[in-house]
Protein backbone atom coordinates (compact mmCIF):
# COMPACT_ATOMS: atom_id res chain seq x y z
CA UNK A 1 174.24 76.12 169.31
CA UNK A 2 173.57 75.10 165.68
CA UNK A 3 170.96 77.13 163.77
CA UNK A 4 171.28 74.81 160.77
CA UNK A 5 170.44 71.13 160.80
CA UNK A 6 173.32 68.78 160.07
CA UNK A 7 173.34 66.07 157.40
CA UNK A 8 176.02 63.39 157.17
CA UNK A 9 176.57 62.52 153.48
CA UNK A 10 178.23 59.14 152.91
CA UNK A 11 179.30 58.97 149.27
CA UNK A 12 182.63 58.14 147.61
CA UNK A 13 182.05 60.30 144.52
CA UNK A 14 183.07 63.98 144.73
CA UNK A 15 180.66 65.02 141.99
CA UNK A 16 177.70 63.56 143.88
CA UNK A 17 178.74 65.33 147.07
CA UNK A 18 179.07 68.64 145.20
CA UNK A 19 175.54 68.29 143.78
CA UNK A 20 174.09 67.55 147.21
CA UNK A 21 176.02 70.44 148.76
CA UNK A 22 174.45 72.83 146.29
CA UNK A 23 170.93 71.46 146.71
CA UNK A 24 171.13 71.33 150.53
CA UNK A 25 172.96 74.60 151.05
CA UNK A 26 170.61 75.57 153.89
CA UNK A 27 171.98 72.68 155.98
CA UNK A 28 175.42 71.88 157.37
CA UNK A 29 176.81 68.97 155.34
CA UNK A 30 179.45 66.57 156.64
CA UNK A 31 180.77 64.66 153.57
CA UNK A 32 182.45 61.28 154.16
CA UNK A 33 183.82 58.94 151.50
CA UNK A 34 184.11 55.64 153.37
CA UNK A 35 182.05 53.63 155.83
CA UNK A 36 184.59 53.40 158.64
CA UNK A 37 184.97 57.19 158.90
CA UNK A 38 181.21 57.65 158.62
CA UNK A 39 180.56 55.28 161.54
CA UNK A 40 183.16 57.04 163.69
CA UNK A 41 181.61 60.46 163.03
CA UNK A 42 178.01 59.30 163.47
CA UNK A 43 178.76 57.67 166.82
CA UNK A 44 180.84 60.58 168.15
CA UNK A 45 178.98 63.67 166.91
CA UNK A 46 175.76 64.43 168.81
CA UNK A 47 174.29 67.00 166.41
CA UNK A 48 173.69 64.90 163.26
CA UNK A 49 170.03 65.13 162.19
CA UNK A 50 170.00 62.98 159.05
CA UNK A 51 172.21 60.63 157.03
CA UNK A 52 172.24 60.36 153.21
CA UNK A 53 173.83 57.00 152.37
CA UNK A 54 174.99 55.55 149.06
CA UNK A 55 174.91 51.76 148.65
CA UNK A 56 177.89 51.12 146.38
CA UNK A 57 180.81 52.08 148.63
CA UNK A 58 184.41 50.81 148.97
CA UNK A 59 185.25 48.21 151.67
CA UNK A 60 181.69 47.99 153.08
CA UNK A 61 178.45 48.75 151.24
CA UNK A 62 175.63 51.00 152.42
CA UNK A 63 173.53 48.12 153.77
CA UNK A 64 176.33 47.05 156.12
CA UNK A 65 177.03 50.64 157.17
CA UNK A 66 173.36 51.21 158.01
CA UNK A 67 173.11 48.01 160.07
CA UNK A 68 176.16 49.04 162.13
CA UNK A 69 174.76 52.54 162.69
CA UNK A 70 171.40 51.13 163.80
CA UNK A 71 173.06 48.67 166.20
CA UNK A 72 174.86 51.46 168.07
CA UNK A 73 173.04 53.38 170.81
CA UNK A 74 174.97 56.51 169.81
CA UNK A 75 173.66 56.55 166.23
CA UNK A 76 170.54 54.34 166.11
CA UNK A 77 168.25 57.39 166.49
CA UNK A 78 169.57 59.12 163.34
CA UNK A 79 167.24 58.62 160.33
CA UNK A 80 168.98 57.17 157.25
CA UNK A 81 167.89 57.90 153.67
CA UNK A 82 169.41 55.63 151.03
CA UNK A 83 170.45 57.45 147.84
CA UNK A 84 171.40 54.96 145.14
CA UNK A 85 171.30 54.12 141.45
CA UNK A 86 170.01 50.66 142.36
CA UNK A 87 166.29 50.59 141.64
CA UNK A 88 165.36 46.93 141.99
CA UNK A 89 162.57 46.16 144.45
CA UNK A 90 164.81 43.72 146.37
CA UNK A 91 167.42 46.47 146.89
CA UNK A 92 164.78 48.88 148.19
CA UNK A 93 163.39 46.21 150.53
CA UNK A 94 166.92 45.37 151.74
CA UNK A 95 167.53 49.04 152.52
CA UNK A 96 164.42 49.28 154.69
CA UNK A 97 165.30 46.02 156.45
CA UNK A 98 168.75 47.45 157.23
CA UNK A 99 167.07 50.36 159.05
CA UNK A 100 166.55 53.03 156.40
CA UNK A 101 163.52 55.34 156.62
CA UNK A 102 163.47 56.32 152.94
CA UNK A 103 164.96 55.36 149.57
CA UNK A 104 165.70 57.73 146.65
CA UNK A 105 166.88 56.39 143.30
CA UNK A 106 169.47 58.16 141.15
CA UNK A 107 169.23 60.12 138.98
CA UNK A 108 166.78 61.92 141.22
CA UNK A 109 164.54 64.92 140.77
CA UNK A 110 165.91 67.81 142.87
CA UNK A 111 162.47 68.82 144.16
CA UNK A 112 161.69 65.24 145.16
CA UNK A 113 164.95 64.92 147.08
CA UNK A 114 164.44 68.25 148.83
CA UNK A 115 160.88 67.32 149.76
CA UNK A 116 161.83 63.99 151.28
CA UNK A 117 164.87 65.35 153.09
CA UNK A 118 162.86 68.25 154.52
CA UNK A 119 160.14 65.87 155.74
CA UNK A 120 162.61 63.79 157.74
CA UNK A 121 164.43 66.87 159.02
CA UNK A 122 161.11 68.25 160.30
CA UNK A 123 160.39 64.97 162.07
CA UNK A 124 163.86 65.03 163.63
CA UNK A 125 163.43 68.66 164.70
CA UNK A 126 160.05 67.81 166.23
CA UNK A 127 161.60 64.91 168.14
CA UNK A 128 164.47 67.07 169.44
CA UNK A 129 162.01 69.79 170.41
CA UNK A 130 160.00 67.27 172.41
CA UNK A 131 163.17 66.05 174.10
CA UNK A 132 164.08 69.63 175.00
CA UNK A 133 160.62 70.27 176.43
CA UNK A 134 160.86 67.12 178.51
CA UNK A 135 164.17 68.27 179.98
CA UNK A 136 162.81 71.73 180.75
CA UNK A 137 159.75 70.22 182.43
CA UNK A 138 161.89 67.95 184.56
CA UNK A 139 163.91 70.94 185.73
CA UNK A 140 160.75 72.82 186.69
CA UNK A 141 159.01 69.90 188.36
CA UNK A 142 160.96 67.69 190.69
CA UNK A 143 157.96 65.72 191.79
CA UNK A 144 158.26 62.03 191.13
CA UNK A 145 155.05 61.64 189.13
CA UNK A 146 155.95 64.45 186.72
CA UNK A 147 159.40 63.01 186.05
CA UNK A 148 157.92 59.56 185.38
CA UNK A 149 155.27 61.08 183.13
CA UNK A 150 157.83 62.83 180.93
CA UNK A 151 160.15 59.81 180.76
CA UNK A 152 157.25 57.66 179.62
CA UNK A 153 156.21 60.08 176.87
CA UNK A 154 159.80 60.31 175.65
CA UNK A 155 160.05 56.52 175.46
CA UNK A 156 156.68 56.32 173.67
CA UNK A 157 157.88 58.89 171.11
CA UNK A 158 160.55 56.55 169.82
CA UNK A 159 157.97 53.75 169.61
CA UNK A 160 155.56 55.99 167.71
CA UNK A 161 158.24 57.12 165.23
CA UNK A 162 159.01 53.48 164.57
CA UNK A 163 155.35 52.79 163.78
CA UNK A 164 155.25 55.77 161.37
CA UNK A 165 158.43 54.60 159.64
CA UNK A 166 156.83 51.17 159.16
CA UNK A 167 153.66 52.81 157.83
CA UNK A 168 155.76 54.67 155.23
CA UNK A 169 157.83 51.76 153.90
CA UNK A 170 155.26 50.37 151.47
CA UNK A 171 153.98 53.78 150.22
CA UNK A 172 157.55 54.93 149.55
CA UNK A 173 158.35 51.74 147.69
CA UNK A 174 155.14 52.20 145.64
CA UNK A 175 156.09 55.78 144.79
CA UNK A 176 159.49 54.60 143.62
CA UNK A 177 157.93 51.91 141.47
CA UNK A 178 155.49 54.36 139.82
CA UNK A 179 158.27 56.87 139.06
CA UNK A 180 160.63 54.17 137.75
CA UNK A 181 157.93 52.77 135.45
CA UNK A 182 157.19 56.18 133.90
CA UNK A 183 160.90 56.93 133.61
CA UNK A 184 161.61 53.58 131.94
CA UNK A 185 158.89 54.15 129.36
CA UNK A 186 160.22 57.60 128.51
CA UNK A 187 163.81 56.37 128.23
CA UNK A 188 162.83 53.44 126.01
CA UNK A 189 160.75 55.74 123.76
CA UNK A 190 157.71 53.60 124.53
CA UNK A 191 154.46 55.39 123.96
CA UNK A 192 152.58 56.40 127.05
CA UNK A 193 149.06 57.69 126.81
CA UNK A 194 147.83 60.78 128.56
CA UNK A 195 145.32 58.63 130.45
CA UNK A 196 148.06 56.29 131.77
CA UNK A 197 150.16 59.27 132.77
CA UNK A 198 147.26 60.86 134.66
CA UNK A 199 146.53 57.55 136.41
CA UNK A 200 150.14 57.39 137.61
CA UNK A 201 149.93 60.96 138.92
CA UNK A 202 146.66 60.13 140.71
CA UNK A 203 148.23 57.06 142.37
CA UNK A 204 151.19 59.17 143.52
CA UNK A 205 148.85 61.85 144.89
CA UNK A 206 146.85 59.26 146.85
CA UNK A 207 150.04 57.86 148.40
CA UNK A 208 151.32 61.32 149.34
CA UNK A 209 147.95 62.21 150.92
CA UNK A 210 148.08 59.00 152.97
CA UNK A 211 151.60 59.84 154.21
CA UNK A 212 150.56 63.40 155.07
CA UNK A 213 147.59 62.07 157.05
CA UNK A 214 149.96 59.80 158.98
CA UNK A 215 152.01 62.81 160.05
CA UNK A 216 148.86 64.70 161.06
CA UNK A 217 147.77 61.74 163.19
CA UNK A 218 151.20 61.74 164.80
CA UNK A 219 151.01 65.47 165.55
CA UNK A 220 147.50 65.18 167.02
CA UNK A 221 148.56 62.23 169.16
CA UNK A 222 151.17 64.27 171.04
CA UNK A 223 149.42 67.62 170.96
CA UNK A 224 148.87 68.77 174.58
CA UNK A 225 145.18 68.74 175.37
CA UNK A 226 143.15 69.62 178.45
CA UNK A 227 139.87 69.31 176.57
CA UNK A 228 137.41 66.91 178.20
CA UNK A 229 134.49 65.94 175.99
CA UNK A 230 132.24 63.08 174.94
CA UNK A 231 134.11 60.67 172.67
CA UNK A 232 133.77 57.20 171.21
CA UNK A 233 136.11 54.57 172.67
CA UNK A 234 135.72 52.53 169.47
CA UNK A 235 136.74 55.42 167.21
CA UNK A 236 139.74 56.24 169.42
CA UNK A 237 140.94 52.64 169.30
CA UNK A 238 140.60 52.54 165.50
CA UNK A 239 142.64 55.76 165.23
CA UNK A 240 145.42 54.16 167.30
CA UNK A 241 145.37 51.06 165.12
CA UNK A 242 145.94 53.18 162.00
CA UNK A 243 149.23 54.29 163.57
CA UNK A 244 150.49 50.86 164.65
CA UNK A 245 149.01 48.62 161.94
CA UNK A 246 152.17 48.63 159.80
CA UNK A 247 154.42 47.49 162.65
CA UNK A 248 151.95 44.95 164.02
CA UNK A 249 151.41 43.56 160.51
CA UNK A 250 155.18 43.21 160.06
CA UNK A 251 155.40 41.36 163.41
CA UNK A 252 152.41 39.17 162.36
CA UNK A 253 150.36 40.28 165.38
CA UNK A 254 146.63 39.87 164.76
CA UNK A 255 144.16 42.25 166.43
CA UNK A 256 140.43 41.49 166.77
CA UNK A 257 137.83 44.06 167.86
CA UNK A 258 134.31 43.48 169.14
CA UNK A 259 132.33 46.61 170.01
CA UNK A 260 128.94 46.88 171.69
CA UNK A 261 129.37 50.58 172.45
CA UNK A 262 126.22 52.65 172.11
CA UNK A 263 126.94 55.61 174.40
CA UNK A 264 129.86 58.08 174.40
CA UNK A 265 132.38 58.35 177.23
CA UNK A 266 133.29 61.67 178.85
CA UNK A 267 136.97 62.41 179.37
CA UNK A 268 140.23 63.43 177.71
CA UNK A 269 140.35 61.48 174.45
CA UNK A 270 144.02 62.34 173.83
CA UNK A 271 145.10 60.89 177.19
CA UNK A 272 142.89 57.82 176.69
CA UNK A 273 144.57 57.22 173.30
CA UNK A 274 148.01 57.33 174.93
CA UNK A 275 146.90 54.70 177.45
CA UNK A 276 145.66 52.35 174.71
CA UNK A 277 148.89 52.89 172.77
CA UNK A 278 150.90 52.05 175.91
CA UNK A 279 148.99 48.81 176.60
CA UNK A 280 149.22 47.62 172.98
CA UNK A 281 152.95 48.44 172.82
CA UNK A 282 153.49 46.58 176.09
CA UNK A 283 151.81 43.48 174.61
CA UNK A 284 154.01 43.71 171.53
CA UNK A 285 157.17 43.85 173.67
CA UNK A 286 156.01 40.81 175.66
CA UNK A 287 155.38 38.89 172.43
CA UNK A 288 158.92 39.68 171.27
CA UNK A 289 160.48 38.91 174.67
CA UNK A 290 158.78 35.52 174.93
CA UNK A 291 158.85 34.63 171.21
CA UNK A 292 155.08 34.09 171.27
CA UNK A 293 153.78 31.87 168.45
CA UNK A 294 150.76 33.29 166.58
CA UNK A 295 150.51 36.42 168.77
CA UNK A 296 147.11 38.03 168.94
CA UNK A 297 145.23 40.75 170.81
CA UNK A 298 141.48 40.79 171.38
CA UNK A 299 139.75 44.08 172.20
CA UNK A 300 136.23 44.11 173.61
CA UNK A 301 134.39 47.44 173.94
CA UNK A 302 131.20 48.18 175.87
CA UNK A 303 129.70 51.42 177.12
CA UNK A 304 132.43 53.23 179.08
CA UNK A 305 134.49 50.04 179.25
CA UNK A 306 137.26 48.37 177.26
CA UNK A 307 139.17 45.11 177.76
CA UNK A 308 142.44 44.30 175.97
CA UNK A 309 143.51 40.64 176.15
CA UNK A 310 146.64 39.03 174.67
CA UNK A 311 148.09 35.53 174.48
CA UNK A 312 151.57 36.49 175.65
CA UNK A 313 151.71 34.13 178.63
CA UNK A 314 150.37 36.42 181.31
CA UNK A 315 151.88 38.44 184.16
CA UNK A 316 154.40 36.67 186.39
CA UNK A 317 153.16 36.06 189.92
CA UNK A 318 156.06 37.95 191.47
CA UNK A 319 155.25 41.00 189.33
CA UNK A 320 151.48 40.95 189.61
CA UNK A 321 151.09 43.12 192.72
CA UNK A 322 153.50 45.71 191.32
CA UNK A 323 152.30 45.83 187.70
CA UNK A 324 151.25 49.50 187.92
CA UNK A 325 154.23 50.70 189.99
CA UNK A 326 156.96 52.76 188.25
CA UNK A 327 159.74 50.53 189.56
CA UNK A 328 158.66 47.47 187.57
CA UNK A 329 160.74 46.70 184.47
CA UNK A 330 161.72 43.85 182.19
CA UNK A 331 164.47 43.43 179.64
CA UNK A 332 162.63 45.21 176.85
CA UNK A 333 159.84 47.15 178.47
CA UNK A 334 159.22 49.31 181.48
CA UNK A 335 156.45 49.54 184.02
CA UNK A 336 156.65 53.31 183.67
CA UNK A 337 154.17 53.13 180.75
CA UNK A 338 151.62 51.16 182.79
CA UNK A 339 152.10 53.47 185.76
CA UNK A 340 151.37 56.42 183.50
CA UNK A 341 148.30 54.59 182.17
CA UNK A 342 147.00 54.22 185.72
CA UNK A 343 147.62 57.92 186.49
CA UNK A 344 145.84 59.09 183.32
CA UNK A 345 142.84 56.77 183.70
CA UNK A 346 142.32 57.71 187.35
CA UNK A 347 142.64 61.37 186.39
CA UNK A 348 139.68 60.81 184.05
CA UNK A 349 137.50 59.17 186.73
CA UNK A 350 138.30 55.66 185.57
CA UNK A 351 139.74 52.43 186.91
CA UNK A 352 142.32 50.20 185.22
CA UNK A 353 142.91 46.62 186.34
CA UNK A 354 145.04 43.69 185.18
CA UNK A 355 144.38 39.96 185.38
CA UNK A 356 145.66 36.72 183.93
CA UNK A 357 143.67 34.51 181.59
CA UNK A 358 144.37 31.00 180.34
CA UNK A 359 146.66 32.29 177.54
CA UNK A 360 147.87 35.70 178.66
CA UNK A 361 146.98 38.95 180.34
CA UNK A 362 143.92 41.17 180.14
CA UNK A 363 143.78 44.89 180.96
CA UNK A 364 140.37 46.39 181.66
CA UNK A 365 139.51 50.09 181.77
CA UNK A 366 136.16 51.25 183.06
CA UNK A 367 134.99 54.83 183.41
CA UNK A 368 132.78 55.57 186.40
CA UNK A 369 129.31 57.02 186.02
CA UNK A 370 128.39 59.31 188.87
CA UNK A 371 124.74 59.34 189.98
CA UNK A 372 123.58 62.65 191.37
């Protein structure tokens, strides 16, 4: 068992590898000088936690290497940080489009590199810890519902990480732009006022706070909770949208909300949030599967009731009766998530139903009010 986390460093310059080895001495480093060897190692080793990838490489560049790694099931889960002297906005954008989760320009500040690397290593450790817990729970509980529950959460974790990565792309690019601007002014001996310098620091601080809040939202989302309380359906939905807005914006999916809620709902807010996340993610997968033009989701909220309608073409007749059964699956999505949604809503004294509309499907959740 490895106590240290493992980083695959793909760089053809020995001096660069030596610098990284000194800075990241608390990790196990696997240095590789060409793309072909890097791909072989990444797809065969099962303990790699992070990849540091240079762009200017012999035979194939870093963009091509990253695309190959992300297309393989054996290595697609490994986060890739680009480390390059290229600092043009189009290069940074190209790196994110290839599948990178971060971009660091050279020459870099050691503390900045360590901070970013540690952030992604913590995320990877958290993911692996969740995977381990899932496996342990499956061993303890052989009942069908528990197995399905854990499989669904594990699948949703990957989806959630993707949303967070999308949320971070623009802030990271903005940070790089701010740092490059200050650096360029210093190197060109251009005068920079104290006020301008402080404004740049303030912008960087605001971006870092936003990214930290994203991680906190992620942690809260998966934090086990048995706490039932009064909560606002509207506020819970808005919290979920802050997680997925980057991905849905990238996919050009429009979301409209109309709320007439005036009374709180009693139940487990954490479990309700997971249900909403599952339904919205299911709509997104349907949009992608059917190449929906102008995809949109409309959310209507009333007291103790929410309806989520999309224009993805609706539920096929042959699938309609089994929509909430764990056996239902399509090419890109699984009925396990909707089965879990049904289990969680019924656990919280609610009812979830599905129906077809003229343009798509609508899921309705209503919490029951007991009269004594």
